Amino acid sequence: MRFNSAVILAGGKSSRMGFDKQLMRIKQQRVIDILISKLNEEFKEVIIVTNKPSYYNNYKNVFTDEIKKKGPLSGIHIGLKKAKSEYVYFTACDMPNVNISYIRYMKEKISKIKVDACVTKYKERIEPFNSFYNKRLITSIEQRLRNDERSIYTFLKNRNCLFIEEKVARKFSPTWDMFVNLNTKEDLQKYIKGK
């Protein structure tokens, strides 16, 4: 049960998109339904964390933030609490590309060592999603959220993390498409045209 859970965060404000990103469609299919289908190939449990649970009446693993209005770190918090496995994979509803080979690579790396998280470096920053987090982080995330400290990057800098170098990740995704997120209508249209 170390790597059986995946979480899709679907609770953002979607202000740049102009409509709720949870409703994004590609060829008549909701992006989040595409994600669920792909993640079900690799994980026994797929959880949705959302501020609109009514969008998912036919789906059982749906939760809302326990600590409200604190951004994505709140979603990671509740996802870790509700997931059954020790390590939990996180992505977001506006990240349409699931790279199973890279997910398996991360699983393989962290199966050999004890880390709090496995995230990918991008230049001087990190990619907080398409990443794994360990359930042991729940208490420390709670403390940060209670102090209104929301930065995932700052939080992870002080943890025992496996940071995968960009050049290694690009072997799996040369164009970095596994980290693409659709923030605007233009992003969505461009993505659809490229399909």
N, C-alpha and C. Protein backbone atom coordinates (compact mmCIF):
# COMPACT_ATOMS: atom_id res chain seq x y z
N MET A 1 0.82 -1.22 0.00
CA MET A 1 0.00 0.00 0.00
C MET A 1 0.86 1.27 0.00
N ARG A 2 2.06 1.19 -0.50
CA ARG A 2 2.93 2.38 -0.42
C ARG A 2 2.60 3.43 -1.47
N PHE A 3 2.16 2.99 -2.66
CA PHE A 3 2.00 3.93 -3.77
C PHE A 3 0.64 3.81 -4.47
N ASN A 4 -0.40 3.46 -3.74
CA ASN A 4 -1.67 3.12 -4.39
C ASN A 4 -2.62 4.28 -4.61
N SER A 5 -2.28 5.47 -4.09
CA SER A 5 -3.24 6.59 -4.11
C SER A 5 -2.76 7.75 -4.97
N ALA A 6 -3.71 8.33 -5.69
CA ALA A 6 -3.46 9.56 -6.46
C ALA A 6 -4.54 10.57 -6.09
N VAL A 7 -4.17 11.84 -6.09
CA VAL A 7 -5.10 12.92 -5.78
C VAL A 7 -5.06 13.96 -6.90
N ILE A 8 -6.26 14.36 -7.33
CA ILE A 8 -6.39 15.46 -8.29
C ILE A 8 -6.93 16.67 -7.54
N LEU A 9 -6.15 17.74 -7.53
CA LEU A 9 -6.62 18.98 -6.90
C LEU A 9 -7.45 19.77 -7.90
N ALA A 10 -8.65 20.12 -7.50
CA ALA A 10 -9.59 20.76 -8.44
C ALA A 10 -10.33 21.93 -7.79
N GLY A 11 -9.62 22.67 -6.95
CA GLY A 11 -10.35 23.69 -6.21
C GLY A 11 -9.93 25.11 -6.41
N GLY A 12 -9.17 25.41 -7.46
CA GLY A 12 -8.67 26.77 -7.65
C GLY A 12 -9.74 27.77 -8.05
N LYS A 13 -9.34 29.04 -8.11
CA LYS A 13 -10.29 30.10 -8.43
C LYS A 13 -10.61 30.21 -9.92
N SER A 14 -9.72 29.73 -10.78
CA SER A 14 -9.93 29.75 -12.24
C SER A 14 -10.15 31.16 -12.78
N SER A 15 -9.58 32.17 -12.13
CA SER A 15 -9.85 33.57 -12.51
C SER A 15 -9.36 33.90 -13.92
N ARG A 16 -8.21 33.33 -14.32
CA ARG A 16 -7.69 33.64 -15.66
C ARG A 16 -8.42 32.88 -16.76
N MET A 17 -9.02 31.75 -16.41
CA MET A 17 -9.73 30.94 -17.41
C MET A 17 -11.07 31.58 -17.79
N GLY A 18 -11.71 32.23 -16.83
CA GLY A 18 -13.00 32.85 -17.12
C GLY A 18 -14.19 31.94 -16.82
N PHE A 19 -13.91 30.66 -16.59
CA PHE A 19 -14.94 29.71 -16.14
C PHE A 19 -14.22 28.66 -15.29
N ASP A 20 -14.97 27.89 -14.56
CA ASP A 20 -14.37 26.92 -13.64
C ASP A 20 -13.59 25.86 -14.41
N LYS A 21 -12.30 25.74 -14.09
CA LYS A 21 -11.43 24.81 -14.82
C LYS A 21 -11.86 23.35 -14.64
N GLN A 22 -12.61 23.08 -13.59
CA GLN A 22 -13.09 21.72 -13.39
C GLN A 22 -14.03 21.28 -14.51
N LEU A 23 -14.57 22.24 -15.25
CA LEU A 23 -15.52 21.96 -16.33
C LEU A 23 -14.86 21.93 -17.71
N MET A 24 -13.55 22.12 -17.76
CA MET A 24 -12.85 22.12 -19.06
C MET A 24 -13.11 20.82 -19.82
N ARG A 25 -13.32 20.97 -21.12
CA ARG A 25 -13.57 19.80 -21.96
C ARG A 25 -12.61 19.75 -23.15
N ILE A 26 -12.26 18.54 -23.53
CA ILE A 26 -11.50 18.29 -24.75
C ILE A 26 -12.26 17.21 -25.51
N LYS A 27 -12.71 17.57 -26.71
CA LYS A 27 -13.51 16.64 -27.52
C LYS A 27 -14.70 16.09 -26.72
N GLN A 28 -15.44 16.98 -26.12
CA GLN A 28 -16.67 16.68 -25.38
C GLN A 28 -16.46 15.93 -24.07
N GLN A 29 -15.22 15.68 -23.71
CA GLN A 29 -14.96 14.96 -22.47
C GLN A 29 -14.28 15.89 -21.47
N ARG A 30 -14.76 15.87 -20.22
CA ARG A 30 -14.13 16.71 -19.20
C ARG A 30 -12.68 16.27 -18.97
N VAL A 31 -11.80 17.26 -18.87
CA VAL A 31 -10.38 16.96 -18.64
C VAL A 31 -10.22 16.14 -17.38
N ILE A 32 -10.97 16.47 -16.34
CA ILE A 32 -10.81 15.74 -15.09
C ILE A 32 -11.23 14.27 -15.23
N ASP A 33 -12.19 13.99 -16.09
CA ASP A 33 -12.58 12.59 -16.34
C ASP A 33 -11.49 11.84 -17.09
N ILE A 34 -10.82 12.55 -18.00
CA ILE A 34 -9.67 11.96 -18.72
C ILE A 34 -8.56 11.63 -17.72
N LEU A 35 -8.30 12.56 -16.80
CA LEU A 35 -7.28 12.33 -15.77
C LEU A 35 -7.62 11.14 -14.89
N ILE A 36 -8.86 11.07 -14.44
CA ILE A 36 -9.28 9.96 -13.59
C ILE A 36 -9.05 8.62 -14.30
N SER A 37 -9.43 8.57 -15.57
CA SER A 37 -9.28 7.35 -16.35
C SER A 37 -7.81 6.94 -16.47
N LYS A 38 -6.95 7.90 -16.76
CA LYS A 38 -5.52 7.60 -16.90
C LYS A 38 -4.90 7.17 -15.58
N LEU A 39 -5.24 7.87 -14.50
CA LEU A 39 -4.66 7.55 -13.20
C LEU A 39 -5.16 6.20 -12.68
N ASN A 40 -6.37 5.82 -13.06
CA ASN A 40 -6.89 4.50 -12.66
C ASN A 40 -6.07 3.36 -13.24
N GLU A 41 -5.33 3.62 -14.30
CA GLU A 41 -4.47 2.59 -14.89
C GLU A 41 -3.29 2.27 -13.97
N GLU A 42 -2.91 3.24 -13.13
CA GLU A 42 -1.69 3.11 -12.31
C GLU A 42 -1.97 3.04 -10.81
N PHE A 43 -3.11 3.58 -10.37
CA PHE A 43 -3.40 3.68 -8.95
C PHE A 43 -4.73 3.00 -8.62
N LYS A 44 -4.78 2.37 -7.46
CA LYS A 44 -6.01 1.70 -7.03
C LYS A 44 -7.05 2.69 -6.51
N GLU A 45 -6.57 3.85 -6.05
CA GLU A 45 -7.46 4.84 -5.46
C GLU A 45 -7.16 6.21 -6.09
N VAL A 46 -8.19 6.86 -6.63
CA VAL A 46 -8.05 8.22 -7.16
C VAL A 46 -9.03 9.12 -6.42
N ILE A 47 -8.49 10.13 -5.78
CA ILE A 47 -9.26 11.06 -4.95
C ILE A 47 -9.34 12.42 -5.65
N ILE A 48 -10.48 13.07 -5.52
CA ILE A 48 -10.63 14.44 -6.01
C ILE A 48 -10.81 15.36 -4.81
N VAL A 49 -10.00 16.42 -4.77
CA VAL A 49 -10.18 17.46 -3.75
C VAL A 49 -10.73 18.69 -4.47
N THR A 50 -11.91 19.13 -4.07
CA THR A 50 -12.61 20.17 -4.81
C THR A 50 -13.39 21.09 -3.89
N ASN A 51 -13.62 22.30 -4.35
CA ASN A 51 -14.51 23.22 -3.62
C ASN A 51 -15.94 23.13 -4.17
N LYS A 52 -16.16 22.24 -5.15
CA LYS A 52 -17.49 22.05 -5.74
C LYS A 52 -17.83 20.56 -5.80
N PRO A 53 -18.05 19.94 -4.66
CA PRO A 53 -18.32 18.49 -4.67
C PRO A 53 -19.55 18.11 -5.48
N SER A 54 -20.46 19.05 -5.68
CA SER A 54 -21.67 18.73 -6.46
C SER A 54 -21.35 18.40 -7.92
N TYR A 55 -20.17 18.77 -8.40
CA TYR A 55 -19.75 18.41 -9.76
C TYR A 55 -19.50 16.91 -9.90
N TYR A 56 -19.39 16.21 -8.77
CA TYR A 56 -18.94 14.82 -8.80
C TYR A 56 -19.90 13.91 -8.04
N ASN A 57 -21.18 14.10 -8.26
CA ASN A 57 -22.19 13.32 -7.52
C ASN A 57 -22.07 11.82 -7.73
N ASN A 58 -21.53 11.41 -8.87
CA ASN A 58 -21.43 9.98 -9.17
C ASN A 58 -20.07 9.40 -8.80
N TYR A 59 -19.25 10.18 -8.12
CA TYR A 59 -17.90 9.74 -7.79
C TYR A 59 -17.73 9.73 -6.28
N LYS A 60 -17.25 8.63 -5.72
CA LYS A 60 -17.28 8.47 -4.26
C LYS A 60 -16.11 9.15 -3.54
N ASN A 61 -14.93 9.20 -4.14
CA ASN A 61 -13.75 9.72 -3.45
C ASN A 61 -13.59 11.22 -3.66
N VAL A 62 -14.50 11.99 -3.12
CA VAL A 62 -14.49 13.44 -3.29
C VAL A 62 -14.47 14.11 -1.92
N PHE A 63 -13.51 15.04 -1.74
CA PHE A 63 -13.36 15.71 -0.46
C PHE A 63 -13.11 17.20 -0.67
N THR A 64 -13.41 17.98 0.36
CA THR A 64 -13.12 19.41 0.33
C THR A 64 -12.07 19.73 1.39
N ASP A 65 -11.42 20.88 1.22
CA ASP A 65 -10.38 21.28 2.16
C ASP A 65 -10.92 21.32 3.59
N GLU A 66 -10.12 20.83 4.50
CA GLU A 66 -10.46 20.89 5.92
C GLU A 66 -10.10 22.28 6.46
N ILE A 67 -8.95 22.79 6.02
CA ILE A 67 -8.50 24.14 6.38
C ILE A 67 -8.74 25.01 5.15
N LYS A 68 -9.75 25.84 5.21
CA LYS A 68 -10.27 26.52 4.02
C LYS A 68 -9.44 27.73 3.59
N LYS A 69 -9.50 28.00 2.28
CA LYS A 69 -8.97 29.23 1.67
C LYS A 69 -7.50 29.47 1.96
N LYS A 70 -6.72 28.38 1.87
CA LYS A 70 -5.28 28.49 2.08
C LYS A 70 -4.49 28.01 0.87
N GLY A 71 -5.17 27.82 -0.27
CA GLY A 71 -4.45 27.46 -1.49
C GLY A 71 -4.16 25.98 -1.64
N PRO A 72 -3.27 25.65 -2.59
CA PRO A 72 -3.01 24.24 -2.91
C PRO A 72 -2.46 23.41 -1.76
N LEU A 73 -1.74 24.04 -0.83
CA LEU A 73 -1.21 23.27 0.30
C LEU A 73 -2.34 22.67 1.13
N SER A 74 -3.49 23.36 1.18
CA SER A 74 -4.68 22.81 1.87
C SER A 74 -5.17 21.55 1.16
N GLY A 75 -5.12 21.57 -0.17
CA GLY A 75 -5.54 20.41 -0.94
C GLY A 75 -4.61 19.23 -0.71
N ILE A 76 -3.31 19.50 -0.64
CA ILE A 76 -2.35 18.43 -0.35
C ILE A 76 -2.64 17.86 1.05
N HIS A 77 -2.92 18.74 1.98
CA HIS A 77 -3.21 18.33 3.36
C HIS A 77 -4.37 17.34 3.42
N ILE A 78 -5.52 17.70 2.87
CA ILE A 78 -6.68 16.82 2.97
C ILE A 78 -6.50 15.57 2.10
N GLY A 79 -5.81 15.72 0.97
CA GLY A 79 -5.52 14.55 0.13
C GLY A 79 -4.70 13.51 0.87
N LEU A 80 -3.68 13.97 1.60
CA LEU A 80 -2.85 13.05 2.38
C LEU A 80 -3.66 12.40 3.50
N LYS A 81 -4.54 13.17 4.14
CA LYS A 81 -5.35 12.62 5.23
C LYS A 81 -6.30 11.54 4.75
N LYS A 82 -6.87 11.72 3.57
CA LYS A 82 -7.90 10.80 3.09
C LYS A 82 -7.32 9.61 2.32
N ALA A 83 -6.13 9.74 1.80
CA ALA A 83 -5.53 8.66 1.00
C ALA A 83 -5.16 7.47 1.87
N LYS A 84 -5.22 6.30 1.27
CA LYS A 84 -4.91 5.07 2.01
C LYS A 84 -3.42 4.74 1.99
N SER A 85 -2.71 5.16 0.97
CA SER A 85 -1.31 4.73 0.85
C SER A 85 -0.35 5.69 1.54
N GLU A 86 0.86 5.20 1.77
CA GLU A 86 1.89 5.99 2.47
C GLU A 86 2.35 7.17 1.61
N TYR A 87 2.66 6.88 0.36
CA TYR A 87 3.02 7.94 -0.59
C TYR A 87 1.82 8.22 -1.50
N VAL A 88 1.58 9.49 -1.74
CA VAL A 88 0.40 9.89 -2.51
C VAL A 88 0.86 10.76 -3.68
N TYR A 89 0.40 10.40 -4.86
CA TYR A 89 0.71 11.18 -6.07
C TYR A 89 -0.29 12.32 -6.21
N PHE A 90 0.22 13.51 -6.51
CA PHE A 90 -0.64 14.69 -6.67
C PHE A 90 -0.49 15.30 -8.05
N THR A 91 -1.64 15.64 -8.64
CA THR A 91 -1.67 16.43 -9.86
C THR A 91 -2.84 17.41 -9.72
N ALA A 92 -3.07 18.20 -10.79
CA ALA A 92 -4.13 19.21 -10.74
C ALA A 92 -5.06 19.05 -11.93
N CYS A 93 -6.28 19.53 -11.78
CA CYS A 93 -7.29 19.32 -12.83
C CYS A 93 -6.99 20.08 -14.11
N ASP A 94 -6.04 21.02 -14.07
CA ASP A 94 -5.67 21.76 -15.29
C ASP A 94 -4.38 21.23 -15.90
N MET A 95 -3.92 20.06 -15.45
CA MET A 95 -2.71 19.42 -16.00
C MET A 95 -3.14 18.16 -16.75
N PRO A 96 -3.40 18.28 -18.06
CA PRO A 96 -4.06 17.18 -18.79
C PRO A 96 -3.16 16.01 -19.16
N ASN A 97 -1.85 16.16 -19.06
CA ASN A 97 -0.94 15.11 -19.52
C ASN A 97 -0.41 14.27 -18.36
N VAL A 98 -0.78 13.02 -18.34
CA VAL A 98 -0.29 12.08 -17.33
C VAL A 98 0.81 11.23 -17.97
N ASN A 99 1.99 11.27 -17.38
CA ASN A 99 3.13 10.52 -17.90
C ASN A 99 3.38 9.31 -16.99
N ILE A 100 2.81 8.18 -17.36
CA ILE A 100 2.89 6.98 -16.53
C ILE A 100 4.33 6.53 -16.35
N SER A 101 5.15 6.65 -17.38
CA SER A 101 6.57 6.24 -17.27
C SER A 101 7.29 7.04 -16.20
N TYR A 102 7.01 8.33 -16.15
CA TYR A 102 7.65 9.17 -15.14
C TYR A 102 7.13 8.86 -13.74
N ILE A 103 5.85 8.61 -13.63
CA ILE A 103 5.28 8.22 -12.34
C ILE A 103 5.95 6.94 -11.83
N ARG A 104 6.14 5.99 -12.72
CA ARG A 104 6.79 4.73 -12.32
C ARG A 104 8.25 4.95 -11.95
N TYR A 105 8.90 5.87 -12.65
CA TYR A 105 10.29 6.21 -12.32
C TYR A 105 10.37 6.79 -10.91
N MET A 106 9.47 7.72 -10.59
CA MET A 106 9.46 8.31 -9.24
C MET A 106 9.19 7.24 -8.18
N LYS A 107 8.23 6.36 -8.45
CA LYS A 107 7.93 5.28 -7.52
C LYS A 107 9.17 4.43 -7.24
N GLU A 108 9.87 4.12 -8.32
CA GLU A 108 11.07 3.28 -8.20
C GLU A 108 12.14 3.97 -7.35
N LYS A 109 12.32 5.26 -7.58
CA LYS A 109 13.34 6.02 -6.83
C LYS A 109 13.01 6.07 -5.34
N ILE A 110 11.75 6.37 -5.02
CA ILE A 110 11.43 6.54 -3.60
C ILE A 110 11.16 5.22 -2.89
N SER A 111 11.06 4.14 -3.63
CA SER A 111 10.89 2.83 -2.98
C SER A 111 12.19 2.41 -2.28
N LYS A 112 13.32 3.02 -2.67
CA LYS A 112 14.62 2.61 -2.14
C LYS A 112 15.12 3.49 -1.01
N ILE A 113 14.46 4.63 -0.80
CA ILE A 113 14.90 5.57 0.24
C ILE A 113 13.68 6.11 0.99
N LYS A 114 13.94 6.70 2.16
CA LYS A 114 12.85 7.25 2.96
C LYS A 114 12.86 8.76 2.80
N VAL A 115 11.87 9.30 2.09
CA VAL A 115 11.80 10.74 1.87
C VAL A 115 10.39 11.25 2.19
N ASP A 116 10.31 12.56 2.42
CA ASP A 116 9.02 13.19 2.68
C ASP A 116 8.25 13.47 1.40
N ALA A 117 9.00 13.69 0.31
CA ALA A 117 8.36 14.02 -0.96
C ALA A 117 9.34 13.77 -2.10
N CYS A 118 8.79 13.63 -3.28
CA CYS A 118 9.59 13.51 -4.50
C CYS A 118 9.02 14.50 -5.50
N VAL A 119 9.79 15.54 -5.79
CA VAL A 119 9.34 16.60 -6.69
C VAL A 119 10.43 16.91 -7.71
N THR A 120 10.03 17.54 -8.79
CA THR A 120 10.93 17.82 -9.90
C THR A 120 11.39 19.27 -9.86
N LYS A 121 12.67 19.46 -10.11
CA LYS A 121 13.22 20.82 -10.20
C LYS A 121 12.94 21.40 -11.58
N TYR A 122 12.70 22.70 -11.60
CA TYR A 122 12.59 23.43 -12.87
C TYR A 122 13.33 24.75 -12.71
N LYS A 123 14.49 24.85 -13.34
CA LYS A 123 15.37 26.00 -13.15
C LYS A 123 15.65 26.18 -11.65
N GLU A 124 15.32 27.33 -11.11
CA GLU A 124 15.57 27.57 -9.68
C GLU A 124 14.37 27.23 -8.81
N ARG A 125 13.31 26.75 -9.42
CA ARG A 125 12.08 26.47 -8.68
C ARG A 125 11.81 24.96 -8.68
N ILE A 126 10.59 24.62 -8.28
CA ILE A 126 10.16 23.22 -8.33
C ILE A 126 8.80 23.14 -9.00
N GLU A 127 8.44 21.94 -9.41
CA GLU A 127 7.10 21.64 -9.91
C GLU A 127 6.36 20.92 -8.77
N PRO A 128 5.43 21.62 -8.08
CA PRO A 128 4.82 21.00 -6.90
C PRO A 128 3.86 19.85 -7.22
N PHE A 129 3.40 19.78 -8.49
CA PHE A 129 2.50 18.69 -8.87
C PHE A 129 3.17 17.80 -9.90
N ASN A 130 2.50 16.65 -10.18
CA ASN A 130 3.17 15.54 -10.84
C ASN A 130 4.29 15.11 -9.90
N SER A 131 3.91 14.94 -8.62
CA SER A 131 4.85 14.69 -7.54
C SER A 131 4.23 13.74 -6.50
N PHE A 132 5.10 13.20 -5.66
CA PHE A 132 4.65 12.35 -4.56
C PHE A 132 4.94 13.03 -3.22
N TYR A 133 3.98 12.87 -2.29
CA TYR A 133 4.14 13.37 -0.93
C TYR A 133 3.83 12.23 0.05
N ASN A 134 4.49 12.25 1.20
CA ASN A 134 4.31 11.20 2.19
C ASN A 134 3.32 11.64 3.28
N LYS A 135 2.54 10.69 3.76
CA LYS A 135 1.52 11.00 4.78
C LYS A 135 2.12 11.58 6.06
N ARG A 136 3.40 11.34 6.30
CA ARG A 136 4.00 11.87 7.53
C ARG A 136 4.07 13.40 7.53
N LEU A 137 3.77 14.03 6.41
CA LEU A 137 3.79 15.50 6.32
C LEU A 137 2.52 16.16 6.87
N ILE A 138 1.50 15.37 7.15
CA ILE A 138 0.18 15.94 7.50
C ILE A 138 0.29 16.95 8.66
N THR A 139 0.92 16.57 9.74
CA THR A 139 0.98 17.44 10.92
C THR A 139 1.75 18.73 10.64
N SER A 140 2.88 18.61 9.95
CA SER A 140 3.68 19.81 9.68
C SER A 140 2.98 20.74 8.69
N ILE A 141 2.23 20.19 7.74
CA ILE A 141 1.44 21.03 6.82
C ILE A 141 0.36 21.76 7.62
N GLU A 142 -0.30 21.04 8.51
CA GLU A 142 -1.34 21.66 9.35
C GLU A 142 -0.79 22.86 10.11
N GLN A 143 0.38 22.69 10.70
CA GLN A 143 1.00 23.78 11.46
C GLN A 143 1.26 25.00 10.58
N ARG A 144 1.75 24.74 9.37
CA ARG A 144 2.04 25.85 8.45
C ARG A 144 0.75 26.57 8.05
N LEU A 145 -0.28 25.81 7.75
CA LEU A 145 -1.54 26.43 7.33
C LEU A 145 -2.15 27.24 8.45
N ARG A 146 -2.05 26.75 9.67
CA ARG A 146 -2.59 27.50 10.82
C ARG A 146 -1.85 28.82 11.00
N ASN A 147 -0.57 28.84 10.58
CA ASN A 147 0.23 30.08 10.64
C ASN A 147 0.12 30.90 9.36
N ASP A 148 -0.81 30.49 8.48
CA ASP A 148 -1.03 31.17 7.20
C ASP A 148 0.21 31.17 6.30
N GLU A 149 1.01 30.11 6.40
CA GLU A 149 2.17 29.92 5.53
C GLU A 149 1.75 28.95 4.43
N ARG A 150 1.64 29.45 3.21
CA ARG A 150 1.01 28.67 2.14
C ARG A 150 1.96 28.15 1.06
N SER A 151 3.19 28.60 1.06
CA SER A 151 4.11 28.27 -0.03
C SER A 151 4.56 26.81 0.04
N ILE A 152 4.25 26.06 -1.00
CA ILE A 152 4.70 24.66 -1.08
C ILE A 152 6.23 24.62 -1.21
N TYR A 153 6.76 25.52 -2.02
CA TYR A 153 8.21 25.57 -2.27
C TYR A 153 8.98 25.81 -0.97
N THR A 154 8.56 26.81 -0.19
CA THR A 154 9.23 27.12 1.08
C THR A 154 9.11 25.95 2.05
N PHE A 155 7.95 25.34 2.08
CA PHE A 155 7.72 24.19 2.95
C PHE A 155 8.68 23.04 2.61
N LEU A 156 8.78 22.72 1.32
CA LEU A 156 9.58 21.57 0.91
C LEU A 156 11.08 21.80 1.05
N LYS A 157 11.50 23.06 1.00
CA LYS A 157 12.93 23.35 1.13
C LYS A 157 13.49 22.86 2.46
N ASN A 158 12.63 22.79 3.47
CA ASN A 158 13.07 22.39 4.81
C ASN A 158 12.71 20.94 5.14
N ARG A 159 12.35 20.19 4.12
CA ARG A 159 11.98 18.80 4.34
C ARG A 159 13.01 17.87 3.70
N ASN A 160 12.87 16.59 4.01
CA ASN A 160 13.74 15.58 3.41
C ASN A 160 13.12 15.15 2.08
N CYS A 161 13.50 15.87 1.03
CA CYS A 161 12.89 15.64 -0.29
C CYS A 161 13.88 15.06 -1.28
N LEU A 162 13.36 14.26 -2.16
CA LEU A 162 14.12 13.85 -3.33
C LEU A 162 13.75 14.80 -4.45
N PHE A 163 14.71 15.60 -4.87
CA PHE A 163 14.49 16.53 -5.97
C PHE A 163 15.07 15.93 -7.25
N ILE A 164 14.20 15.68 -8.21
CA ILE A 164 14.66 15.14 -9.49
C ILE A 164 15.09 16.29 -10.38
N GLU A 165 16.30 16.19 -10.90
CA GLU A 165 16.85 17.27 -11.72
C GLU A 165 16.09 17.39 -13.04
N GLU A 166 16.01 18.62 -13.52
CA GLU A 166 15.28 18.90 -14.76
C GLU A 166 15.79 18.06 -15.93
N LYS A 167 17.11 17.92 -16.03
CA LYS A 167 17.66 17.16 -17.18
C LYS A 167 17.23 15.70 -17.15
N VAL A 168 17.03 15.15 -15.95
CA VAL A 168 16.55 13.77 -15.83
C VAL A 168 15.08 13.70 -16.24
N ALA A 169 14.27 14.65 -15.74
CA ALA A 169 12.84 14.66 -16.07
C ALA A 169 12.61 14.85 -17.56
N ARG A 170 13.48 15.63 -18.21
CA ARG A 170 13.31 15.88 -19.65
C ARG A 170 13.55 14.64 -20.50
N LYS A 171 14.18 13.63 -19.95
CA LYS A 171 14.31 12.35 -20.67
C LYS A 171 12.94 11.71 -20.85
N PHE A 172 12.04 11.98 -19.91
CA PHE A 172 10.67 11.44 -19.98
C PHE A 172 9.73 12.40 -20.71
N SER A 173 10.06 13.67 -20.68
CA SER A 173 9.18 14.70 -21.25
C SER A 173 10.04 15.82 -21.83
N PRO A 174 10.61 15.60 -23.03
CA PRO A 174 11.54 16.59 -23.61
C PRO A 174 10.95 17.99 -23.75
N THR A 175 9.65 18.09 -24.01
CA THR A 175 9.02 19.41 -24.18
C THR A 175 8.41 19.93 -22.87
N TRP A 176 8.57 19.16 -21.79
CA TRP A 176 8.03 19.53 -20.48
C TRP A 176 6.49 19.50 -20.48
N ASP A 177 5.92 18.74 -21.41
CA ASP A 177 4.45 18.72 -21.52
C ASP A 177 3.77 18.03 -20.35
N MET A 178 4.52 17.20 -19.60
CA MET A 178 3.87 16.55 -18.45
C MET A 178 3.62 17.53 -17.30
N PHE A 179 4.16 18.74 -17.44
CA PHE A 179 3.91 19.78 -16.44
C PHE A 179 3.06 20.92 -16.97
N VAL A 180 2.56 20.77 -18.19
CA VAL A 180 1.72 21.82 -18.78
C VAL A 180 0.46 21.99 -17.95
N ASN A 181 0.11 23.25 -17.66
CA ASN A 181 -1.20 23.49 -17.05
C ASN A 181 -1.94 24.55 -17.85
N LEU A 182 -3.23 24.35 -17.94
CA LEU A 182 -4.09 25.18 -18.78
C LEU A 182 -4.74 26.27 -17.92
N ASN A 183 -4.21 27.49 -18.05
CA ASN A 183 -4.68 28.58 -17.19
C ASN A 183 -5.66 29.52 -17.86
N THR A 184 -5.63 29.58 -19.20
CA THR A 184 -6.47 30.52 -19.93
C THR A 184 -7.21 29.80 -21.06
N LYS A 185 -8.20 30.47 -21.63
CA LYS A 185 -8.91 29.89 -22.78
C LYS A 185 -7.95 29.69 -23.95
N GLU A 186 -6.98 30.61 -24.07
CA GLU A 186 -5.97 30.48 -25.14
C GLU A 186 -5.13 29.23 -24.94
N ASP A 187 -4.74 28.97 -23.69
CA ASP A 187 -3.99 27.74 -23.39
C ASP A 187 -4.79 26.51 -23.80
N LEU A 188 -6.07 26.52 -23.47
CA LEU A 188 -6.93 25.38 -23.78
C LEU A 188 -7.07 25.17 -25.27
N GLN A 189 -7.31 26.26 -26.02
CA GLN A 189 -7.46 26.16 -27.46
C GLN A 189 -6.17 25.67 -28.13
N LYS A 190 -5.06 26.19 -27.66
CA LYS A 190 -3.75 25.77 -28.19
C LYS A 190 -3.53 24.28 -27.94
N TYR A 191 -3.90 23.83 -26.74
CA TYR A 191 -3.73 22.43 -26.38
C TYR A 191 -4.61 21.54 -27.27
N ILE A 192 -5.86 21.94 -27.45
CA ILE A 192 -6.79 21.17 -28.28
C ILE A 192 -6.31 21.09 -29.71
N LYS A 193 -5.78 22.19 -30.25
CA LYS A 193 -5.27 22.20 -31.63
C LYS A 193 -4.09 21.25 -31.80
N GLY A 194 -3.31 21.09 -30.73
CA GLY A 194 -2.15 20.22 -30.80
C GLY A 194 -2.46 18.74 -30.62
N LYS A 195 -3.71 18.42 -30.28
CA LYS A 195 -4.10 17.03 -30.05
C LYS A 195 -4.26 16.28 -31.37
